[in-house]
Amino acid sequence: MLNKSKYIIFLVLLAKLIFVPEIIFGQSSCGEKIPALGNFELISQYSLGLAVVLMIPGILFDHKIWKKVLLILALIPFAGWMYVNFLVDYTKLKTDIFNHNAMAEATLANIAEAQDRYKSEQSTYIGDLRKLYSHIGGAGGMNECVKILNVQAGVDHWRAEAGHVSSPDTVIWDSRAGTSLKKG
């Protein structure tokens, strides 16, 4: 009986691991990766072009079999064009990208505050990302979904680039555009 209950518990945990892995691994909900909006434009252009290229010989051929095959094959890229132009919600995608970029910008604002505090104490900016993480804690912290891609620091200025893991864009903050608390 004890062996059977262990087996059932094992199966339940395995099912949770397979179907709901974020419960087991404690992953945050950063959202799924949004493809770049330019990709949809490329898909639209190439699929419509391929549909026309397949449709023209389909109309001109005299053999019924080739005519049917080419016209049916033209439906596949045309369906891709229809999906991209009529079923993709661009407004929602743009809103999501804007919100993700705002999170990245807020994280860069926290970095700017930490950089200003460090500059007032040490007379230079932090270029080391590990050291920067230790100084950001008091500035409001870091968003776990935002990745700092690049930090460059000099004696009188600094520049940082960050991106949300779900956004195709990156946000750049440059202290030379006024004060370091102003976005570049």
Protein backbone atom coordinates (compact mmCIF):
# COMPACT_ATOMS: atom_id res chain seq x y z
CA MET A 1 0.00 0.00 0.00
CA LEU A 2 2.83 2.40 0.87
CA ASN A 3 4.56 1.61 -2.41
CA LYS A 4 1.40 2.37 -4.37
CA SER A 5 0.91 5.76 -2.66
CA LYS A 6 4.52 6.74 -3.42
CA TYR A 7 3.91 5.79 -7.04
CA ILE A 8 0.76 7.96 -7.18
CA ILE A 9 2.56 10.93 -5.58
CA PHE A 10 5.38 10.52 -8.09
CA LEU A 11 2.90 10.52 -11.00
CA VAL A 12 1.14 13.64 -9.68
CA LEU A 13 4.45 15.50 -9.33
CA LEU A 14 5.52 14.37 -12.78
CA ALA A 15 2.22 15.59 -14.25
CA LYS A 16 2.70 18.98 -12.54
CA LEU A 17 6.24 19.19 -13.90
CA ILE A 18 5.08 18.46 -17.43
CA PHE A 19 1.91 20.56 -17.56
CA VAL A 20 2.69 23.42 -15.14
CA PRO A 21 6.50 23.76 -14.91
CA GLU A 22 6.39 27.29 -13.45
CA ILE A 23 4.96 25.85 -10.21
CA ILE A 24 7.97 23.58 -9.82
CA PHE A 25 10.67 25.94 -11.09
CA GLY A 26 9.15 29.21 -9.83
CA GLN A 27 9.56 31.06 -13.11
CA SER A 28 8.28 34.60 -13.34
CA SER A 29 5.71 35.67 -15.86
CA CYS A 30 7.64 37.96 -18.15
CA GLY A 31 5.37 37.12 -21.06
CA GLU A 32 6.22 35.38 -24.26
CA LYS A 33 8.68 36.86 -26.73
CA ILE A 34 7.07 39.26 -29.18
CA PRO A 35 8.49 39.03 -32.69
CA ALA A 36 9.67 42.23 -34.35
CA LEU A 37 6.86 43.97 -36.21
CA GLY A 38 9.07 44.21 -39.30
CA ASN A 39 8.93 40.42 -39.59
CA PHE A 40 5.18 40.59 -40.17
CA GLU A 41 5.72 43.12 -42.96
CA LEU A 42 8.28 40.86 -44.64
CA ILE A 43 5.96 37.86 -44.36
CA SER A 44 3.18 39.92 -45.90
CA GLN A 45 5.28 41.09 -48.85
CA TYR A 46 6.91 37.77 -49.69
CA SER A 47 3.79 35.66 -49.24
CA LEU A 48 1.71 37.93 -51.47
CA GLY A 49 4.49 37.97 -54.08
CA LEU A 50 4.76 34.18 -54.02
CA ALA A 51 0.98 33.85 -54.31
CA VAL A 52 0.96 36.07 -57.41
CA VAL A 53 3.93 34.21 -58.91
CA LEU A 54 2.11 30.90 -58.49
CA MET A 55 -1.24 32.29 -59.61
CA ILE A 56 -0.11 33.74 -62.96
CA PRO A 57 1.19 30.43 -64.42
CA GLY A 58 -1.85 28.73 -62.89
CA ILE A 59 -4.08 30.99 -64.93
CA LEU A 60 -2.01 30.74 -68.12
CA PHE A 61 -1.43 26.94 -68.21
CA ASP A 62 -3.78 24.90 -70.38
CA HIS A 63 -3.42 21.59 -68.54
CA LYS A 64 -6.11 21.18 -65.92
CA ILE A 65 -3.87 19.27 -63.51
CA TRP A 66 -1.09 21.90 -63.53
CA LYS A 67 -3.66 24.67 -63.36
CA LYS A 68 -5.28 23.14 -60.26
CA VAL A 69 -1.94 22.35 -58.59
CA LEU A 70 -0.56 25.87 -59.07
CA LEU A 71 -3.76 27.59 -57.98
CA ILE A 72 -4.03 25.39 -54.88
CA LEU A 73 -0.35 26.04 -54.09
CA ALA A 74 -1.04 29.78 -54.44
CA LEU A 75 -3.60 29.50 -51.64
CA ILE A 76 -0.92 28.60 -49.06
CA PRO A 77 1.09 31.87 -49.24
CA PHE A 78 -2.15 33.81 -49.70
CA ALA A 79 -3.41 32.29 -46.43
CA GLY A 80 -0.19 33.46 -44.74
CA TRP A 81 -0.75 36.95 -46.13
CA MET A 82 -4.34 36.95 -44.85
CA TYR A 83 -3.23 35.79 -41.40
CA VAL A 84 -0.61 38.53 -41.08
CA ASN A 85 -2.90 41.28 -42.37
CA PHE A 86 -6.23 40.35 -40.82
CA LEU A 87 -5.66 38.15 -37.76
CA VAL A 88 -2.57 39.63 -36.07
CA ASP A 89 -3.57 42.27 -33.51
CA TYR A 90 -0.97 44.97 -34.17
CA THR A 91 -2.49 47.36 -31.62
CA LYS A 92 -2.05 44.82 -28.82
CA LEU A 93 1.47 43.96 -29.97
CA LYS A 94 2.47 47.65 -30.07
CA THR A 95 0.93 48.23 -26.63
CA ASP A 96 2.76 45.22 -25.19
CA ILE A 97 6.07 46.34 -26.72
CA PHE A 98 5.53 49.86 -25.34
CA ASN A 99 4.81 48.48 -21.85
CA HIS A 100 7.87 46.22 -21.94
CA ASN A 101 10.06 49.12 -23.09
CA ALA A 102 8.64 51.26 -20.25
CA MET A 103 9.76 48.58 -17.78
CA ALA A 104 13.23 48.63 -19.30
CA GLU A 105 13.28 52.42 -19.09
CA ALA A 106 12.23 52.32 -15.42
CA THR A 107 15.09 49.93 -14.72
CA LEU A 108 17.47 52.30 -16.50
CA ALA A 109 16.10 55.14 -14.36
CA ASN A 110 17.02 53.09 -11.28
CA ILE A 111 20.50 52.62 -12.75
CA ALA A 112 20.72 56.39 -13.34
CA GLU A 113 19.88 57.04 -9.71
CA ALA A 114 22.49 54.52 -8.57
CA GLN A 115 25.07 56.02 -10.95
CA ASP A 116 24.42 59.52 -9.59
CA ARG A 117 24.76 58.29 -6.00
CA TYR A 118 28.00 56.48 -6.83
CA LYS A 119 29.34 59.50 -8.76
CA SER A 120 28.70 61.78 -5.76
CA GLU A 121 30.56 59.34 -3.49
CA GLN A 122 33.43 58.17 -5.72
CA SER A 123 33.73 60.93 -8.40
CA THR A 124 33.33 58.42 -11.22
CA TYR A 125 30.63 56.23 -12.74
CA ILE A 126 30.33 52.45 -12.40
CA GLY A 127 31.27 50.44 -15.47
CA ASP A 128 31.21 46.99 -13.87
CA LEU A 129 27.76 45.41 -14.09
CA ARG A 130 28.24 43.26 -10.96
CA LYS A 131 29.20 46.28 -8.88
CA LEU A 132 26.29 48.20 -10.38
CA TYR A 133 23.80 45.52 -9.25
CA SER A 134 24.90 45.97 -5.64
CA HIS A 135 24.22 49.73 -5.79
CA ILE A 136 20.84 49.48 -7.51
CA GLY A 137 19.08 47.84 -4.55
CA GLY A 138 18.42 51.13 -2.79
CA ALA A 139 17.27 52.82 -5.97
CA GLY A 140 14.12 50.75 -6.37
CA GLY A 141 15.70 47.53 -7.52
CA MET A 142 15.83 45.70 -10.80
CA ASN A 143 12.98 44.16 -12.72
CA GLU A 144 13.74 40.47 -13.18
CA CYS A 145 12.34 40.55 -16.72
CA VAL A 146 14.72 43.32 -17.84
CA LYS A 147 18.21 42.39 -18.94
CA ILE A 148 20.99 44.98 -18.88
CA LEU A 149 22.76 44.40 -22.18
CA ASN A 150 25.57 46.93 -22.00
CA VAL A 151 26.99 49.47 -19.56
CA GLN A 152 29.78 51.83 -20.58
CA ALA A 153 31.11 54.31 -18.06
CA GLY A 154 33.71 57.01 -18.17
CA VAL A 155 34.80 59.67 -15.72
CA ASP A 156 32.18 62.21 -16.80
CA HIS A 157 29.45 60.17 -18.52
CA TRP A 158 27.85 56.74 -18.77
CA ARG A 159 25.65 54.89 -21.23
CA ALA A 160 23.48 51.82 -20.66
CA GLU A 161 21.35 49.62 -22.89
CA ALA A 162 18.59 47.40 -21.57
CA GLY A 163 15.83 45.29 -23.01
CA HIS A 164 12.83 43.44 -21.69
CA VAL A 165 13.12 39.71 -22.39
CA SER A 166 9.76 39.75 -24.22
CA SER A 167 10.35 42.88 -26.29
CA PRO A 168 12.17 42.95 -29.64
CA ASP A 169 13.43 46.48 -28.88
CA THR A 170 16.15 47.82 -26.61
CA VAL A 171 16.19 51.07 -24.66
CA ILE A 172 19.33 53.23 -24.46
CA TRP A 173 20.04 55.69 -21.65
CA ASP A 174 22.87 58.19 -22.13
CA SER A 175 23.95 60.62 -19.41
CA ARG A 176 25.34 63.09 -21.98
CA ALA A 177 21.78 64.10 -22.94
CA GLY A 178 21.55 66.57 -20.05
CA THR A 179 21.73 65.01 -16.60
CA SER A 180 22.22 61.32 -16.07
CA LEU A 181 18.61 61.12 -14.85
CA LYS A 182 17.37 62.16 -18.29
CA LYS A 183 16.83 59.62 -21.00
CA GLY A 184 19.02 60.01 -24.09
